[in-house]
Amino acid sequence: MIRSIMKDPIFLAQKSVPATPDDLPLAQDLLDTLAANREHCVGMAANMIGAAKRVIVFDDNGTPTVMFNPEIVKSSQPYQTEEGCLSLPGVRKTTRYQNIKVQYQNADFQVRLKTFTGWTAQIIQHEIDHCNGILI
């Protein structure tokens, strides 16, 4: 189901709680909402649709991808960039990393570890910031 985009900075600044298998429908809502906003958006976190859960979705080189409870466990090659967000007006400067290693759970809640680089890594970092209550 396509959901409305949350724009309340007080809500968005709260840390999200861990996701559980009960949150599988939330992941589908995120995928539907991401697809509906494809022209302006390449990733979303659950708090962007009003659910303070650690679930993110993003475009991984054309493949919509879901992560439950993602955590960056390693990062390298910092750089400065500017980012916008559907939830907040304007663009802001931020530091990102060219390479990240992420531990997460898949839709079967099996733990996975994967390395991402470049644009995909930047998207994931932005969405994990959302999970951590960091506004960009």
N, C-alpha and C. Protein backbone atom coordinates (compact mmCIF):
# COMPACT_ATOMS: atom_id res chain seq x y z
N MET A 1 0.84 -1.17 0.00
CA MET A 1 0.00 0.00 0.00
C MET A 1 0.90 1.25 0.00
N ILE A 2 0.58 2.20 -0.83
CA ILE A 2 1.31 3.47 -0.88
C ILE A 2 0.90 4.30 0.33
N ARG A 3 1.88 4.76 1.08
CA ARG A 3 1.61 5.53 2.29
C ARG A 3 2.10 6.97 2.12
N SER A 4 1.57 7.86 2.93
CA SER A 4 1.96 9.27 2.92
C SER A 4 3.36 9.43 3.50
N ILE A 5 4.06 10.45 3.03
CA ILE A 5 5.41 10.72 3.52
C ILE A 5 5.34 11.55 4.79
N MET A 6 6.00 11.06 5.83
CA MET A 6 6.09 11.75 7.13
C MET A 6 7.02 12.95 6.98
N LYS A 7 6.57 14.10 7.46
CA LYS A 7 7.39 15.32 7.36
C LYS A 7 7.63 15.97 8.71
N ASP A 8 7.22 15.31 9.80
CA ASP A 8 7.36 15.86 11.15
C ASP A 8 8.79 15.62 11.66
N PRO A 9 9.62 16.68 11.77
CA PRO A 9 11.01 16.49 12.18
C PRO A 9 11.15 15.92 13.60
N ILE A 10 10.18 16.16 14.46
CA ILE A 10 10.26 15.60 15.82
C ILE A 10 10.12 14.08 15.76
N PHE A 11 9.17 13.58 14.98
CA PHE A 11 9.02 12.13 14.81
C PHE A 11 10.25 11.54 14.12
N LEU A 12 10.70 12.20 13.06
CA LEU A 12 11.83 11.68 12.28
C LEU A 12 13.13 11.65 13.09
N ALA A 13 13.24 12.47 14.13
CA ALA A 13 14.45 12.52 14.95
C ALA A 13 14.49 11.44 16.02
N GLN A 14 13.44 10.62 16.12
CA GLN A 14 13.43 9.53 17.09
C GLN A 14 14.13 8.30 16.51
N LYS A 15 14.87 7.59 17.36
CA LYS A 15 15.50 6.35 16.91
C LYS A 15 14.44 5.29 16.70
N SER A 16 14.61 4.51 15.66
CA SER A 16 13.68 3.43 15.36
C SER A 16 14.01 2.20 16.19
N VAL A 17 12.99 1.40 16.45
CA VAL A 17 13.16 0.16 17.22
C VAL A 17 13.37 -1.01 16.25
N PRO A 18 13.96 -2.11 16.72
CA PRO A 18 14.21 -3.25 15.84
C PRO A 18 12.93 -3.78 15.19
N ALA A 19 13.09 -4.21 13.95
CA ALA A 19 11.99 -4.82 13.21
C ALA A 19 11.89 -6.30 13.58
N THR A 20 10.70 -6.85 13.41
CA THR A 20 10.43 -8.27 13.65
C THR A 20 9.72 -8.85 12.43
N PRO A 21 9.51 -10.15 12.38
CA PRO A 21 8.76 -10.72 11.25
C PRO A 21 7.36 -10.13 11.10
N ASP A 22 6.80 -9.57 12.16
CA ASP A 22 5.49 -8.91 12.06
C ASP A 22 5.55 -7.68 11.16
N ASP A 23 6.76 -7.19 10.86
CA ASP A 23 6.93 -6.00 10.04
C ASP A 23 7.08 -6.29 8.55
N LEU A 24 6.89 -7.52 8.13
CA LEU A 24 6.98 -7.85 6.70
C LEU A 24 5.99 -7.02 5.87
N PRO A 25 4.73 -6.81 6.31
CA PRO A 25 3.84 -5.96 5.52
C PRO A 25 4.34 -4.51 5.41
N LEU A 26 5.02 -4.03 6.43
CA LEU A 26 5.60 -2.69 6.40
C LEU A 26 6.63 -2.59 5.28
N ALA A 27 7.42 -3.63 5.09
CA ALA A 27 8.41 -3.64 4.01
C ALA A 27 7.72 -3.51 2.65
N GLN A 28 6.59 -4.19 2.48
CA GLN A 28 5.86 -4.08 1.21
C GLN A 28 5.31 -2.68 1.02
N ASP A 29 4.81 -2.06 2.10
CA ASP A 29 4.35 -0.68 2.01
C ASP A 29 5.49 0.26 1.61
N LEU A 30 6.67 0.02 2.16
CA LEU A 30 7.83 0.83 1.79
C LEU A 30 8.18 0.65 0.31
N LEU A 31 8.16 -0.58 -0.18
CA LEU A 31 8.45 -0.83 -1.59
C LEU A 31 7.42 -0.15 -2.48
N ASP A 32 6.14 -0.24 -2.10
CA ASP A 32 5.08 0.40 -2.89
C ASP A 32 5.24 1.91 -2.89
N THR A 33 5.56 2.48 -1.73
CA THR A 33 5.71 3.93 -1.62
C THR A 33 6.95 4.41 -2.36
N LEU A 34 8.04 3.64 -2.29
CA LEU A 34 9.25 3.97 -3.06
C LEU A 34 8.93 3.97 -4.55
N ALA A 35 8.23 2.95 -5.03
CA ALA A 35 7.88 2.86 -6.45
C ALA A 35 7.02 4.05 -6.87
N ALA A 36 6.11 4.47 -6.01
CA ALA A 36 5.23 5.60 -6.33
C ALA A 36 5.98 6.93 -6.38
N ASN A 37 7.13 6.98 -5.70
CA ASN A 37 7.92 8.22 -5.64
C ASN A 37 9.24 8.08 -6.41
N ARG A 38 9.32 7.14 -7.31
CA ARG A 38 10.55 6.80 -8.03
C ARG A 38 11.21 8.00 -8.71
N GLU A 39 10.42 8.94 -9.20
CA GLU A 39 11.00 10.10 -9.89
C GLU A 39 11.82 10.99 -8.97
N HIS A 40 11.54 10.95 -7.65
CA HIS A 40 12.19 11.85 -6.71
C HIS A 40 12.91 11.13 -5.58
N CYS A 41 12.94 9.79 -5.61
CA CYS A 41 13.41 9.06 -4.44
C CYS A 41 14.07 7.75 -4.84
N VAL A 42 15.19 7.41 -4.18
CA VAL A 42 15.90 6.16 -4.46
C VAL A 42 16.00 5.26 -3.23
N GLY A 43 15.49 5.73 -2.10
CA GLY A 43 15.52 4.92 -0.89
C GLY A 43 14.56 5.49 0.14
N MET A 44 14.13 4.62 1.06
CA MET A 44 13.23 5.05 2.12
C MET A 44 13.49 4.22 3.38
N ALA A 45 13.23 4.86 4.51
CA ALA A 45 13.25 4.18 5.80
C ALA A 45 11.82 4.17 6.33
N ALA A 46 11.51 3.22 7.19
CA ALA A 46 10.14 3.06 7.68
C ALA A 46 9.61 4.31 8.37
N ASN A 47 10.48 5.06 9.04
CA ASN A 47 9.95 6.26 9.72
C ASN A 47 9.46 7.31 8.71
N MET A 48 9.90 7.22 7.48
CA MET A 48 9.43 8.15 6.45
C MET A 48 7.97 7.93 6.09
N ILE A 49 7.42 6.75 6.48
CA ILE A 49 5.99 6.50 6.26
C ILE A 49 5.28 6.31 7.60
N GLY A 50 5.91 6.82 8.68
CA GLY A 50 5.24 6.87 9.97
C GLY A 50 5.42 5.67 10.88
N ALA A 51 6.36 4.78 10.56
CA ALA A 51 6.60 3.60 11.40
C ALA A 51 8.04 3.65 11.92
N ALA A 52 8.21 3.76 13.21
CA ALA A 52 9.55 3.88 13.81
C ALA A 52 10.19 2.50 13.98
N LYS A 53 10.42 1.83 12.86
CA LYS A 53 11.02 0.49 12.83
C LYS A 53 12.28 0.53 11.96
N ARG A 54 13.22 -0.35 12.26
CA ARG A 54 14.49 -0.41 11.51
C ARG A 54 14.30 -1.24 10.24
N VAL A 55 13.66 -0.63 9.27
CA VAL A 55 13.45 -1.25 7.95
C VAL A 55 13.77 -0.20 6.91
N ILE A 56 14.58 -0.58 5.92
CA ILE A 56 14.88 0.33 4.81
C ILE A 56 14.67 -0.39 3.49
N VAL A 57 14.38 0.41 2.47
CA VAL A 57 14.33 -0.09 1.09
C VAL A 57 15.13 0.87 0.24
N PHE A 58 15.71 0.35 -0.83
CA PHE A 58 16.50 1.20 -1.72
C PHE A 58 16.65 0.54 -3.08
N ASP A 59 17.01 1.36 -4.03
CA ASP A 59 17.26 0.90 -5.39
C ASP A 59 18.72 0.47 -5.48
N ASP A 60 18.94 -0.82 -5.63
CA ASP A 60 20.29 -1.37 -5.75
C ASP A 60 20.56 -1.67 -7.22
N ASN A 61 20.96 -0.63 -7.96
CA ASN A 61 21.24 -0.76 -9.40
C ASN A 61 20.05 -1.34 -10.16
N GLY A 62 18.86 -0.81 -9.87
CA GLY A 62 17.65 -1.24 -10.57
C GLY A 62 16.84 -2.31 -9.86
N THR A 63 17.36 -2.87 -8.78
CA THR A 63 16.65 -3.90 -8.03
C THR A 63 16.18 -3.34 -6.69
N PRO A 64 14.87 -3.29 -6.46
CA PRO A 64 14.38 -2.84 -5.15
C PRO A 64 14.82 -3.84 -4.07
N THR A 65 15.44 -3.33 -3.02
CA THR A 65 16.02 -4.18 -1.98
C THR A 65 15.51 -3.75 -0.62
N VAL A 66 15.25 -4.75 0.24
CA VAL A 66 14.78 -4.50 1.61
C VAL A 66 15.82 -5.00 2.59
N MET A 67 16.05 -4.22 3.64
CA MET A 67 16.91 -4.65 4.75
C MET A 67 16.16 -4.44 6.06
N PHE A 68 16.17 -5.45 6.89
CA PHE A 68 15.63 -5.33 8.24
C PHE A 68 16.81 -5.19 9.20
N ASN A 69 16.70 -4.25 10.12
CA ASN A 69 17.70 -4.04 11.17
C ASN A 69 19.13 -3.84 10.64
N PRO A 70 19.29 -2.97 9.64
CA PRO A 70 20.63 -2.76 9.07
C PRO A 70 21.53 -1.97 10.02
N GLU A 71 22.80 -2.35 10.02
CA GLU A 71 23.83 -1.66 10.79
C GLU A 71 25.09 -1.60 9.94
N ILE A 72 25.73 -0.45 9.88
CA ILE A 72 27.01 -0.34 9.19
C ILE A 72 28.08 -0.82 10.16
N VAL A 73 28.83 -1.84 9.75
CA VAL A 73 29.86 -2.41 10.63
C VAL A 73 31.27 -1.99 10.22
N LYS A 74 31.40 -1.43 9.01
CA LYS A 74 32.71 -0.96 8.55
C LYS A 74 32.48 0.07 7.46
N SER A 75 33.32 1.12 7.46
CA SER A 75 33.23 2.13 6.41
C SER A 75 34.62 2.66 6.10
N SER A 76 34.80 3.11 4.85
CA SER A 76 36.10 3.67 4.47
C SER A 76 35.91 4.69 3.35
N GLN A 77 36.89 5.53 3.18
CA GLN A 77 36.96 6.56 2.16
C GLN A 77 35.86 7.62 2.30
N PRO A 78 35.93 8.44 3.36
CA PRO A 78 34.93 9.48 3.54
C PRO A 78 35.00 10.55 2.46
N TYR A 79 33.85 11.14 2.18
CA TYR A 79 33.77 12.27 1.25
C TYR A 79 32.60 13.16 1.65
N GLN A 80 32.64 14.40 1.20
CA GLN A 80 31.57 15.36 1.47
C GLN A 80 30.60 15.38 0.29
N THR A 81 29.31 15.48 0.58
CA THR A 81 28.30 15.55 -0.46
C THR A 81 27.10 16.35 0.05
N GLU A 82 26.14 16.58 -0.82
CA GLU A 82 24.88 17.21 -0.45
C GLU A 82 23.76 16.25 -0.79
N GLU A 83 22.75 16.20 0.10
CA GLU A 83 21.63 15.29 -0.12
C GLU A 83 20.31 16.00 0.16
N GLY A 84 19.29 15.56 -0.54
CA GLY A 84 17.93 15.97 -0.28
C GLY A 84 17.17 14.78 0.28
N CYS A 85 15.93 15.04 0.71
CA CYS A 85 15.11 13.99 1.31
C CYS A 85 13.65 14.32 1.06
N LEU A 86 12.84 13.30 0.79
CA LEU A 86 11.41 13.51 0.61
C LEU A 86 10.75 14.06 1.87
N SER A 87 11.30 13.73 3.02
CA SER A 87 10.70 14.13 4.29
C SER A 87 11.04 15.55 4.71
N LEU A 88 12.08 16.12 4.14
CA LEU A 88 12.54 17.45 4.57
C LEU A 88 12.83 18.32 3.35
N PRO A 89 12.52 19.61 3.42
CA PRO A 89 12.80 20.49 2.27
C PRO A 89 14.29 20.80 2.14
N GLY A 90 14.72 21.09 0.93
CA GLY A 90 16.09 21.55 0.69
C GLY A 90 17.11 20.43 0.63
N VAL A 91 18.37 20.85 0.58
CA VAL A 91 19.50 19.92 0.59
C VAL A 91 20.44 20.31 1.72
N ARG A 92 21.18 19.33 2.21
CA ARG A 92 22.10 19.55 3.32
C ARG A 92 23.42 18.86 3.03
N LYS A 93 24.50 19.45 3.56
CA LYS A 93 25.83 18.85 3.44
C LYS A 93 25.96 17.73 4.45
N THR A 94 26.68 16.69 4.06
CA THR A 94 26.91 15.57 4.95
C THR A 94 28.18 14.83 4.54
N THR A 95 28.69 14.02 5.44
CA THR A 95 29.83 13.15 5.15
C THR A 95 29.30 11.74 4.89
N ARG A 96 29.76 11.14 3.83
CA ARG A 96 29.42 9.75 3.49
C ARG A 96 30.73 8.99 3.26
N TYR A 97 30.60 7.70 3.10
CA TYR A 97 31.74 6.82 2.87
C TYR A 97 31.56 6.08 1.56
N GLN A 98 32.63 6.00 0.80
CA GLN A 98 32.60 5.34 -0.51
C GLN A 98 32.31 3.85 -0.39
N ASN A 99 32.82 3.23 0.68
CA ASN A 99 32.66 1.78 0.89
C ASN A 99 32.07 1.53 2.27
N ILE A 100 31.04 0.69 2.33
CA ILE A 100 30.48 0.30 3.62
C ILE A 100 30.21 -1.20 3.63
N LYS A 101 30.29 -1.77 4.81
CA LYS A 101 29.89 -3.15 5.02
C LYS A 101 28.68 -3.10 5.95
N VAL A 102 27.60 -3.75 5.54
CA VAL A 102 26.34 -3.69 6.29
C VAL A 102 25.94 -5.08 6.76
N GLN A 103 25.60 -5.17 8.04
CA GLN A 103 24.99 -6.38 8.58
C GLN A 103 23.49 -6.09 8.68
N TYR A 104 22.69 -7.01 8.19
CA TYR A 104 21.24 -6.81 8.16
C TYR A 104 20.55 -8.16 8.17
N GLN A 105 19.24 -8.14 8.22
CA GLN A 105 18.45 -9.35 8.10
C GLN A 105 17.62 -9.27 6.83
N ASN A 106 17.49 -10.41 6.15
CA ASN A 106 16.67 -10.46 4.94
C ASN A 106 15.21 -10.73 5.33
N ALA A 107 14.34 -10.96 4.35
CA ALA A 107 12.92 -11.16 4.62
C ALA A 107 12.62 -12.43 5.42
N ASP A 108 13.58 -13.35 5.47
CA ASP A 108 13.44 -14.55 6.32
C ASP A 108 14.09 -14.34 7.68
N PHE A 109 14.55 -13.11 7.92
CA PHE A 109 15.23 -12.70 9.14
C PHE A 109 16.51 -13.51 9.40
N GLN A 110 17.16 -13.88 8.30
CA GLN A 110 18.49 -14.47 8.36
C GLN A 110 19.50 -13.33 8.29
N VAL A 111 20.54 -13.42 9.11
CA VAL A 111 21.57 -12.37 9.15
C VAL A 111 22.44 -12.48 7.90
N ARG A 112 22.68 -11.34 7.29
CA ARG A 112 23.51 -11.25 6.10
C ARG A 112 24.54 -10.15 6.31
N LEU A 113 25.64 -10.24 5.57
CA LEU A 113 26.70 -9.24 5.59
C LEU A 113 27.07 -8.97 4.15
N LYS A 114 27.04 -7.70 3.74
CA LYS A 114 27.33 -7.37 2.35
C LYS A 114 28.05 -6.03 2.28
N THR A 115 28.95 -5.91 1.32
CA THR A 115 29.69 -4.68 1.08
C THR A 115 29.04 -3.93 -0.08
N PHE A 116 28.91 -2.62 0.08
CA PHE A 116 28.34 -1.75 -0.95
C PHE A 116 29.31 -0.61 -1.22
N THR A 117 29.28 -0.09 -2.43
CA THR A 117 30.17 1.01 -2.81
C THR A 117 29.38 2.08 -3.56
N GLY A 118 29.99 3.26 -3.64
CA GLY A 118 29.47 4.34 -4.48
C GLY A 118 28.08 4.80 -4.11
N TRP A 119 27.27 5.02 -5.16
CA TRP A 119 25.93 5.58 -5.01
C TRP A 119 25.04 4.72 -4.12
N THR A 120 25.09 3.40 -4.30
CA THR A 120 24.26 2.52 -3.47
C THR A 120 24.65 2.64 -2.01
N ALA A 121 25.94 2.72 -1.74
CA ALA A 121 26.41 2.89 -0.35
C ALA A 121 25.89 4.20 0.22
N GLN A 122 25.88 5.26 -0.58
CA GLN A 122 25.39 6.55 -0.11
C GLN A 122 23.90 6.47 0.25
N ILE A 123 23.11 5.84 -0.59
CA ILE A 123 21.68 5.70 -0.32
C ILE A 123 21.47 4.95 1.01
N ILE A 124 22.16 3.84 1.18
CA ILE A 124 22.01 3.04 2.40
C ILE A 124 22.38 3.86 3.63
N GLN A 125 23.46 4.62 3.55
CA GLN A 125 23.87 5.45 4.69
C GLN A 125 22.78 6.46 5.06
N HIS A 126 22.17 7.07 4.06
CA HIS A 126 21.10 8.04 4.30
C HIS A 126 19.93 7.36 5.02
N GLU A 127 19.55 6.18 4.55
CA GLU A 127 18.40 5.49 5.15
C GLU A 127 18.72 4.99 6.56
N ILE A 128 19.92 4.51 6.79
CA ILE A 128 20.30 4.08 8.14
C ILE A 128 20.33 5.29 9.07
N ASP A 129 20.76 6.44 8.57
CA ASP A 129 20.67 7.67 9.38
C ASP A 129 19.23 7.89 9.83
N HIS A 130 18.28 7.70 8.92
CA HIS A 130 16.86 7.83 9.31
C HIS A 130 16.54 6.90 10.47
N CYS A 131 16.97 5.66 10.38
CA CYS A 131 16.70 4.69 11.45
C CYS A 131 17.30 5.15 12.79
N ASN A 132 18.39 5.87 12.71
CA ASN A 132 19.07 6.34 13.91
C ASN A 132 18.60 7.72 14.37
N GLY A 133 17.57 8.25 13.71
CA GLY A 133 17.03 9.55 14.11
C GLY A 133 17.88 10.74 13.67
N ILE A 134 18.77 10.51 12.70
CA ILE A 134 19.62 11.58 12.19
C ILE A 134 18.95 12.20 10.98
N LEU A 135 18.70 13.49 11.04
CA LEU A 135 18.03 14.19 9.96
C LEU A 135 19.05 14.75 8.98
N ILE A 136 18.87 14.46 7.72
CA ILE A 136 19.76 14.99 6.67
C ILE A 136 18.92 15.89 5.78
